[in-house]
Amino acid sequence: MGGFTRLIVFVSMFAAITLISEAQYYLPIIKHEPSKQYYTVFDIGSAAKSHVTLAIDLETNLTWLNCRTLKSISSLRLITCQSSTCKSIPGNGCDGKYCLYRQPNPLGKPVTGRVVQDKATFSTTDGGTSPLSEVSLPRFTFSCATQGLSLPVAGVLGLSPAGEFSFWRQVTTAFNVIPKFALCLPSSVFGAGHFYVGGVNSYNIPPFNGSNPLPMTMTPLKNVDSGKYVISVTSIYVDGVPLPLKPSLLEGGAKISTVVPYTVLQTDIYNALASAFTLKATKIGMSKVPGMREFLGTHTFETCFEEGSSRRNIEEFVNVPVIEIGLPGRAGEVKWRFHGANTVVRVLETVICLAFVDGGEKPHEPMVIGTHQLQDYMIEFDYSTRRMAFSESLLLHNSRCLTM
């Protein structure tokens, strides 16, 4: 083979590898309002495809579901105890010959099931909000539990950074794409949010596109081998004024959660935030009222207000104090800003409450950022750089995490 021909082959191979590495996969995200959980849907099965609905969890390391919801189990391949697959799964066990998996259930009692493999089918995308074509993962590893969750959810989609068998890692490994994924949680049940795995460097969510990319701010992830997505916190602000917090209160950082509905704070952090927010809110005409239970919900909020002049539209961020979390960036502190739609929740027609919860004096984590604060932001987790990236609220750009 001549030198010129070898060069063409090399360039062609490099181009193919580059194309593959930038491939991206797409699944919808749906909000289940009664439970305030988020789930995604895709197909499982070789003999007969079954549309499965799975709650999204950032700490579960192996996807599990109630296999009684599948149309056919004839194509399921049982994993043996002695296999390398079984030995590589955290929480593995053995039931005679076959591999078992025991995973704490983020939404209820722990589940145990046999580890199996079958084909998983989902869509490709180019960074947009619509699927382009179908693609299949021939041997998707998951656990076949004997029970599920409340309808419509059949199980849990594992997205933990730990281990080899979280959903995103199986996809990125099988298709040789960048080991990252992004979530855009919708604030409404009338449409679908966006779940991207792998690839491209921009997200085509109007008004953003390839020539006008969605701005993203990066911050390092702490100890991803722990199985959680945790970011360091340098400070917390209300309308630009830092809270008077002891540095030790922030040492544990903030865990990102897709199953906790509202951000949970250690008592001292919560009290400082509530006090500062109340001071700012009353100065702009909001009247403090007793704590209330969320309308048609199960959460009780301690810091509530009669809207008064702020009624001019909470969703448009008018006259609502802005909460900011200071994080380490490449050149100093960066700020993650939360505006009205993400800082308060409406409990009555004219009453809103601070959408943060007191987690007690000694919680397991001092800060857990919940889904109410994540709605309508693009959040990206990149394992190759061990960084998290976040956008501004899409509402600031007259957009949101929603495809009708």
Protein backbone atom coordinates (compact mmCIF):
# COMPACT_ATOMS: atom_id res chain seq x y z
CA MET A 1 0.00 0.00 0.00
CA GLY A 2 1.43 3.38 -1.02
CA GLY A 3 2.06 6.18 1.43
CA PHE A 4 -0.71 8.37 0.00
CA THR A 5 -3.22 5.49 0.20
CA ARG A 6 -2.20 4.75 3.80
CA LEU A 7 -2.70 8.44 4.63
CA ILE A 8 -6.23 8.39 3.16
CA VAL A 9 -7.08 5.24 5.14
CA PHE A 10 -5.70 6.78 8.33
CA VAL A 11 -7.62 10.03 7.84
CA SER A 12 -10.80 8.09 7.07
CA MET A 13 -10.40 5.96 10.20
CA PHE A 14 -9.71 9.06 12.32
CA ALA A 15 -12.79 10.81 10.89
CA ALA A 16 -14.92 7.75 11.65
CA ILE A 17 -13.64 7.58 15.23
CA THR A 18 -14.27 11.31 15.68
CA LEU A 19 -17.79 10.95 14.31
CA ILE A 20 -18.50 8.07 16.66
CA SER A 21 -17.05 9.91 19.67
CA GLU A 22 -19.39 12.83 19.05
CA ALA A 23 -22.52 10.70 18.68
CA GLN A 24 -25.32 11.44 21.11
CA TYR A 25 -28.37 9.60 22.37
CA TYR A 26 -31.69 10.99 23.53
CA LEU A 27 -34.48 9.95 25.87
CA PRO A 28 -37.47 12.00 27.04
CA ILE A 29 -37.96 13.05 30.67
CA ILE A 30 -41.50 13.16 32.03
CA LYS A 31 -42.64 14.75 35.27
CA HIS A 32 -45.03 12.77 37.44
CA GLU A 33 -46.79 15.55 39.36
CA PRO A 34 -48.44 13.56 42.19
CA SER A 35 -45.09 12.11 43.33
CA LYS A 36 -42.94 14.95 41.93
CA GLN A 37 -40.63 12.32 40.46
CA TYR A 38 -39.07 12.25 37.01
CA TYR A 39 -38.98 9.24 34.75
CA THR A 40 -37.82 8.30 31.30
CA VAL A 41 -39.05 5.73 28.79
CA PHE A 42 -37.36 3.40 26.32
CA ASP A 43 -37.82 -0.13 24.95
CA ILE A 44 -36.47 -3.37 26.38
CA GLY A 45 -36.66 -6.73 24.63
CA SER A 46 -35.47 -8.74 21.67
CA ALA A 47 -38.39 -11.11 21.19
CA ALA A 48 -40.98 -8.39 21.83
CA LYS A 49 -40.26 -4.77 22.72
CA SER A 50 -41.73 -3.41 25.95
CA HIS A 51 -42.02 0.31 26.64
CA VAL A 52 -40.68 0.69 30.22
CA THR A 53 -40.98 3.73 32.48
CA LEU A 54 -38.13 4.21 34.95
CA ALA A 55 -37.59 6.83 37.65
CA ILE A 56 -34.32 8.72 37.16
CA ASP A 57 -31.87 8.40 40.06
CA LEU A 58 -28.31 9.73 40.24
CA GLU A 59 -27.24 7.31 43.01
CA THR A 60 -28.53 3.93 41.79
CA ASN A 61 -25.68 2.02 40.15
CA LEU A 62 -27.67 -0.65 38.29
CA THR A 63 -31.01 -0.11 36.59
CA TRP A 64 -33.79 -2.31 37.97
CA LEU A 65 -37.41 -2.88 37.05
CA ASN A 66 -40.37 -5.15 37.67
CA CYS A 67 -40.00 -7.64 34.82
CA ARG A 68 -43.66 -8.58 35.11
CA THR A 69 -44.31 -5.41 33.12
CA LEU A 70 -42.40 -6.84 30.13
CA LYS A 71 -44.38 -8.32 27.25
CA SER A 72 -41.93 -11.21 26.97
CA ILE A 73 -39.17 -12.58 29.18
CA SER A 74 -38.04 -15.21 26.70
CA SER A 75 -35.09 -13.11 25.53
CA LEU A 76 -33.79 -12.32 29.02
CA ARG A 77 -30.30 -13.74 29.59
CA LEU A 78 -29.56 -14.66 33.21
CA ILE A 79 -26.11 -13.66 34.53
CA THR A 80 -24.25 -16.34 36.50
CA CYS A 81 -22.59 -15.77 39.86
CA GLN A 82 -19.12 -16.60 38.54
CA SER A 83 -19.26 -14.18 35.61
CA SER A 84 -17.11 -11.06 35.49
CA THR A 85 -20.31 -9.05 35.03
CA CYS A 86 -21.71 -10.23 38.37
CA LYS A 87 -18.43 -9.67 40.18
CA SER A 88 -18.26 -6.09 38.86
CA ILE A 89 -21.68 -5.02 40.21
CA PRO A 90 -21.68 -3.28 43.62
CA GLY A 91 -24.19 -4.95 45.92
CA ASN A 92 -24.05 -8.26 44.07
CA GLY A 93 -25.10 -11.52 45.62
CA CYS A 94 -25.81 -15.10 44.62
CA ASP A 95 -28.89 -17.29 44.37
CA GLY A 96 -27.38 -20.69 43.71
CA LYS A 97 -26.14 -20.37 40.15
CA TYR A 98 -27.40 -16.90 39.25
CA CYS A 99 -26.32 -13.36 40.13
CA LEU A 100 -28.46 -11.28 42.47
CA TYR A 101 -28.50 -7.53 42.96
CA ARG A 102 -29.60 -5.73 46.09
CA GLN A 103 -30.01 -1.98 45.77
CA PRO A 104 -31.43 0.51 48.27
CA ASN A 105 -34.58 1.86 46.64
CA PRO A 106 -34.58 5.69 46.60
CA LEU A 107 -38.39 5.66 46.56
CA GLY A 108 -39.21 2.90 49.04
CA LYS A 109 -38.07 -0.46 50.38
CA PRO A 110 -34.82 -2.02 49.11
CA VAL A 111 -35.19 -4.33 46.12
CA THR A 112 -33.47 -7.59 45.23
CA GLY A 113 -33.59 -9.26 41.86
CA ARG A 114 -31.71 -11.44 39.45
CA VAL A 115 -29.25 -9.72 37.13
CA VAL A 116 -30.20 -10.14 33.48
CA GLN A 117 -29.37 -8.81 30.02
CA ASP A 118 -31.58 -7.93 27.08
CA LYS A 119 -31.67 -5.45 24.23
CA ALA A 120 -32.42 -1.81 25.04
CA THR A 121 -33.64 0.50 22.27
CA PHE A 122 -33.65 4.31 22.32
CA SER A 123 -32.92 7.20 19.95
CA THR A 124 -30.01 9.14 18.51
CA THR A 125 -29.99 12.93 18.30
CA ASP A 126 -27.80 15.80 17.13
CA GLY A 127 -28.21 17.81 20.32
CA GLY A 128 -31.78 18.78 19.50
CA THR A 129 -35.01 17.93 21.26
CA SER A 130 -36.30 15.42 18.73
CA PRO A 131 -35.10 11.84 18.13
CA LEU A 132 -33.44 11.12 14.78
CA SER A 133 -33.25 7.33 14.52
CA GLU A 134 -33.39 4.22 16.70
CA VAL A 135 -30.32 2.47 18.04
CA SER A 136 -30.02 -0.63 20.23
CA LEU A 137 -27.73 -1.72 23.03
CA PRO A 138 -27.68 -5.50 22.41
CA ARG A 139 -26.72 -6.57 25.94
CA PHE A 140 -28.09 -4.07 28.41
CA THR A 141 -27.44 -5.24 31.98
CA PHE A 142 -30.13 -4.62 34.61
CA SER A 143 -31.87 -6.27 37.54
CA CYS A 144 -35.17 -8.09 37.17
CA ALA A 145 -36.93 -7.30 40.46
CA THR A 146 -40.14 -8.99 41.57
CA GLN A 147 -41.82 -5.74 42.47
CA GLY A 148 -41.88 -2.23 41.09
CA LEU A 149 -43.02 1.20 42.12
CA SER A 150 -46.38 2.92 41.95
CA LEU A 151 -47.69 3.26 38.42
CA PRO A 152 -46.68 4.49 35.92
CA VAL A 153 -43.10 3.75 37.06
CA ALA A 154 -41.84 0.18 36.75
CA GLY A 155 -38.39 0.68 38.30
CA VAL A 156 -35.34 2.92 38.57
CA LEU A 157 -32.83 4.03 35.93
CA GLY A 158 -29.38 3.99 37.53
CA LEU A 159 -27.11 6.94 36.71
CA SER A 160 -24.52 6.66 39.50
CA PRO A 161 -20.89 7.54 38.72
CA ALA A 162 -19.75 4.41 40.58
CA GLY A 163 -19.28 1.00 38.98
CA GLU A 164 -19.46 -0.15 35.38
CA PHE A 165 -23.17 -0.68 34.84
CA SER A 166 -25.00 2.60 35.31
CA PHE A 167 -27.12 3.34 32.22
CA TRP A 168 -24.97 6.17 30.87
CA ARG A 169 -21.76 4.18 31.29
CA GLN A 170 -23.15 1.15 29.46
CA VAL A 171 -24.25 3.37 26.58
CA THR A 172 -21.04 5.39 26.30
CA THR A 173 -18.86 2.29 26.58
CA ALA A 174 -20.83 0.30 24.00
CA PHE A 175 -20.84 3.11 21.43
CA ASN A 176 -17.41 4.59 22.24
CA VAL A 177 -18.73 8.06 22.99
CA ILE A 178 -17.68 10.71 25.48
CA PRO A 179 -18.62 9.51 29.01
CA LYS A 180 -21.07 12.23 29.91
CA PHE A 181 -24.79 12.87 30.13
CA ALA A 182 -27.08 15.85 30.58
CA LEU A 183 -30.51 16.34 32.11
CA CYS A 184 -33.06 19.08 31.45
CA LEU A 185 -35.92 18.52 33.92
CA PRO A 186 -39.28 19.96 32.85
CA SER A 187 -41.36 22.07 35.25
CA SER A 188 -44.60 20.98 33.57
CA VAL A 189 -46.31 17.65 32.97
CA PHE A 190 -47.54 18.89 29.58
CA GLY A 191 -44.61 17.78 27.47
CA ALA A 192 -41.21 16.12 27.88
CA GLY A 193 -37.82 17.26 29.12
CA HIS A 194 -34.50 16.09 27.71
CA PHE A 195 -31.98 13.40 28.66
CA TYR A 196 -28.81 13.32 26.54
CA VAL A 197 -26.06 10.69 26.73
CA GLY A 198 -22.63 11.26 25.17
CA GLY A 199 -21.36 13.40 22.44
CA VAL A 200 -21.93 16.85 21.11
CA ASN A 201 -20.73 20.04 22.76
CA SER A 202 -23.95 22.05 22.37
CA TYR A 203 -27.66 21.53 22.92
CA ASN A 204 -30.15 22.76 20.34
CA ILE A 205 -32.87 24.03 22.65
CA PRO A 206 -34.41 27.19 21.18
CA PRO A 207 -33.18 29.91 21.06
CA PHE A 208 -29.83 28.09 21.30
CA ASN A 209 -28.17 26.12 18.51
CA GLY A 210 -24.77 25.31 17.05
CA SER A 211 -24.00 28.90 16.08
CA ASN A 212 -25.55 30.28 19.27
CA PRO A 213 -24.58 27.70 21.93
CA LEU A 214 -26.23 27.46 25.31
CA PRO A 215 -23.79 29.05 27.83
CA MET A 216 -22.67 26.57 30.49
CA THR A 217 -20.67 27.18 33.68
CA MET A 218 -18.40 24.43 35.01
CA THR A 219 -17.47 23.35 38.51
CA PRO A 220 -15.53 20.27 39.70
CA LEU A 221 -17.29 17.18 41.06
CA LYS A 222 -16.13 15.95 44.47
CA ASN A 223 -15.15 12.28 44.96
CA VAL A 224 -17.31 10.76 42.20
CA ASP A 225 -16.11 7.29 43.25
CA SER A 226 -18.43 7.64 46.25
CA GLY A 227 -21.35 6.97 43.90
CA LYS A 228 -22.84 10.47 44.29
CA TYR A 229 -22.64 13.72 42.36
CA VAL A 230 -21.40 16.29 44.89
CA ILE A 231 -20.13 19.81 44.24
CA SER A 232 -18.11 22.05 46.57
CA VAL A 233 -19.87 25.13 47.96
CA THR A 234 -17.91 28.26 48.81
CA SER A 235 -20.79 30.51 49.91
CA ILE A 236 -24.53 31.19 49.64
CA TYR A 237 -26.04 34.58 48.77
CA VAL A 238 -29.46 36.25 48.88
CA ASP A 239 -29.69 39.19 46.49
CA GLY A 240 -25.89 39.33 46.38
CA VAL A 241 -25.37 39.40 50.17
CA PRO A 242 -23.47 36.37 51.56
CA LEU A 243 -25.04 34.42 54.41
CA PRO A 244 -23.08 34.55 57.71
CA LEU A 245 -22.21 30.85 57.79
CA LYS A 246 -19.39 29.01 59.54
CA PRO A 247 -17.07 27.57 56.85
CA SER A 248 -17.43 24.12 58.44
CA LEU A 249 -21.13 24.07 57.48
CA LEU A 250 -20.20 24.12 53.79
CA GLU A 251 -17.35 21.61 53.90
CA GLY A 252 -19.57 18.69 52.90
CA GLY A 253 -20.63 20.42 49.68
CA ALA A 254 -23.98 19.89 47.99
CA LYS A 255 -25.30 16.64 46.57
CA ILE A 256 -27.36 16.79 43.36
CA SER A 257 -30.53 14.69 43.50
CA THR A 258 -33.24 13.79 40.99
CA VAL A 259 -35.50 12.15 43.58
CA VAL A 260 -35.57 14.82 46.34
CA PRO A 261 -38.28 17.34 45.32
CA TYR A 262 -37.02 20.39 47.26
CA THR A 263 -33.52 21.36 48.35
CA VAL A 264 -32.78 20.15 51.88
CA LEU A 265 -30.44 22.16 54.12
CA GLN A 266 -28.83 21.55 57.49
CA THR A 267 -30.75 23.55 60.13
CA ASP A 268 -28.18 26.34 60.59
CA ILE A 269 -27.89 26.82 56.81
CA TYR A 270 -31.66 26.79 56.42
CA ASN A 271 -32.22 29.30 59.23
CA ALA A 272 -29.65 31.71 57.79
CA LEU A 273 -31.20 31.43 54.32
CA ALA A 274 -34.77 31.83 55.60
CA SER A 275 -33.83 34.83 57.71
CA ALA A 276 -32.04 36.62 54.85
CA PHE A 277 -34.78 35.78 52.34
CA THR A 278 -37.49 37.02 54.74
CA LEU A 279 -35.62 40.30 55.34
CA LYS A 280 -35.38 40.97 51.59
CA ALA A 281 -38.93 39.78 50.88
CA THR A 282 -40.58 42.00 53.49
CA LYS A 283 -38.70 45.03 52.17
CA ILE A 284 -40.40 44.59 48.79
CA GLY A 285 -43.92 44.25 50.23
CA MET A 286 -44.27 40.52 50.90
CA SER A 287 -45.96 39.77 54.25
CA LYS A 288 -44.79 36.83 56.36
CA VAL A 289 -47.49 34.23 57.14
CA PRO A 290 -47.42 30.95 59.10
CA GLY A 291 -45.86 27.88 57.47
CA MET A 292 -48.13 25.88 55.19
CA ARG A 293 -48.50 22.54 53.52
CA GLU A 294 -48.03 22.47 49.78
CA PHE A 295 -51.33 22.60 47.90
CA LEU A 296 -52.35 19.03 47.02
CA GLY A 297 -48.90 17.91 48.19
CA THR A 298 -47.20 16.35 51.19
CA HIS A 299 -44.50 18.91 51.95
CA THR A 300 -44.78 21.48 54.73
CA PHE A 301 -42.87 24.72 54.29
CA GLU A 302 -41.84 26.93 57.19
CA THR A 303 -41.15 30.24 55.44
CA CYS A 304 -44.22 31.55 53.63
CA PHE A 305 -45.52 34.92 52.40
CA GLU A 306 -48.60 36.70 51.18
CA GLU A 307 -47.34 37.90 47.81
CA GLY A 308 -48.53 41.51 47.88
CA SER A 309 -46.83 43.59 45.17
CA SER A 310 -44.66 40.64 44.11
CA ARG A 311 -47.81 39.17 42.56
CA ARG A 312 -46.76 40.80 39.28
CA ASN A 313 -45.55 37.40 38.35
CA ILE A 314 -43.36 35.12 40.37
CA GLU A 315 -42.65 33.01 37.29
CA GLU A 316 -41.08 36.03 35.58
CA PHE A 317 -38.81 36.63 38.59
CA VAL A 318 -40.31 40.02 39.41
CA ASN A 319 -39.71 41.21 43.00
CA VAL A 320 -38.48 37.89 44.38
CA PRO A 321 -35.09 37.69 46.12
CA VAL A 322 -32.46 35.81 44.11
CA ILE A 323 -30.62 32.94 45.79
CA GLU A 324 -27.09 32.14 44.61
CA ILE A 325 -24.76 29.29 45.44
CA GLY A 326 -21.04 30.10 45.17
CA LEU A 327 -18.96 27.30 43.60
CA PRO A 328 -15.32 26.88 42.63
CA GLY A 329 -14.68 27.68 38.95
CA ARG A 330 -11.64 27.75 36.71
CA ALA A 331 -10.68 31.31 37.67
CA GLY A 332 -12.30 31.77 41.05
CA GLU A 333 -15.82 31.59 42.40
CA VAL A 334 -18.75 31.14 40.04
CA LYS A 335 -22.41 31.52 40.98
CA TRP A 336 -25.39 29.28 40.34
CA ARG A 337 -28.40 31.62 40.41
CA PHE A 338 -31.94 30.59 41.31
CA HIS A 339 -34.82 32.92 40.56
CA GLY A 340 -38.50 33.02 41.50
CA ALA A 341 -39.69 29.90 39.70
CA ASN A 342 -36.96 27.85 41.40
CA THR A 343 -36.81 29.54 44.80
CA VAL A 344 -40.50 29.56 45.79
CA VAL A 345 -43.51 27.30 45.44
CA ARG A 346 -47.14 28.36 45.35
CA VAL A 347 -49.28 26.77 48.08
CA LEU A 348 -52.38 28.98 47.79
CA GLU A 349 -53.58 31.45 45.17
CA THR A 350 -51.87 34.37 46.89
CA VAL A 351 -49.40 32.54 49.17
CA ILE A 352 -45.92 31.39 48.21
CA CYS A 353 -43.30 29.61 50.31
CA LEU A 354 -39.54 29.33 50.20
CA ALA A 355 -38.98 26.04 48.35
CA PHE A 356 -36.22 24.83 50.68
CA VAL A 357 -36.59 22.36 53.55
CA ASP A 358 -34.98 22.17 57.00
CA GLY A 359 -33.13 18.83 57.10
CA GLY A 360 -32.28 18.87 60.80
CA GLU A 361 -29.16 19.51 62.88
CA LYS A 362 -27.15 16.48 61.72
CA PRO A 363 -28.34 15.31 58.30
CA HIS A 364 -26.31 12.80 56.30
CA GLU A 365 -25.55 15.56 53.78
CA PRO A 366 -25.56 19.27 54.74
CA MET A 367 -27.08 20.27 51.36
CA VAL A 368 -29.08 18.24 48.85
CA ILE A 369 -30.15 20.21 45.78
CA GLY A 370 -33.59 18.97 44.75
CA THR A 371 -35.54 18.90 41.52
CA HIS A 372 -37.55 22.08 42.11
CA GLN A 373 -34.28 23.98 41.94
CA LEU A 374 -33.06 21.99 38.90
CA GLN A 375 -36.15 22.46 36.73
CA ASP A 376 -35.57 24.34 33.46
CA TYR A 377 -31.78 24.26 33.78
CA MET A 378 -29.47 22.16 31.62
CA ILE A 379 -27.25 20.11 33.96
CA GLU A 380 -24.34 18.15 32.48
CA PHE A 381 -22.16 15.55 34.20
CA ASP A 382 -18.90 14.82 32.38
CA TYR A 383 -17.01 11.84 33.78
CA SER A 384 -14.06 12.42 31.42
CA THR A 385 -13.28 15.74 33.12
CA ARG A 386 -15.05 15.00 36.42
CA ARG A 387 -16.93 18.26 36.16
CA MET A 388 -20.53 19.36 36.30
CA ALA A 389 -21.76 22.12 34.01
CA PHE A 390 -24.96 24.12 34.43
CA SER A 391 -26.78 26.69 32.35
CA GLU A 392 -28.70 29.75 33.40
CA SER A 393 -32.41 29.18 33.90
CA LEU A 394 -33.88 28.69 30.44
CA LEU A 395 -36.83 30.79 31.59
CA LEU A 396 -34.55 33.82 31.41
CA HIS A 397 -34.35 33.19 27.65
CA ASN A 398 -38.08 32.65 27.16
CA SER A 399 -37.46 28.92 26.86
CA ARG A 400 -37.75 25.86 29.08
CA CYS A 401 -36.97 22.14 29.33
CA LEU A 402 -40.06 21.13 27.43
CA THR A 403 -40.99 19.63 24.08
CA MET A 404 -44.71 19.48 23.45
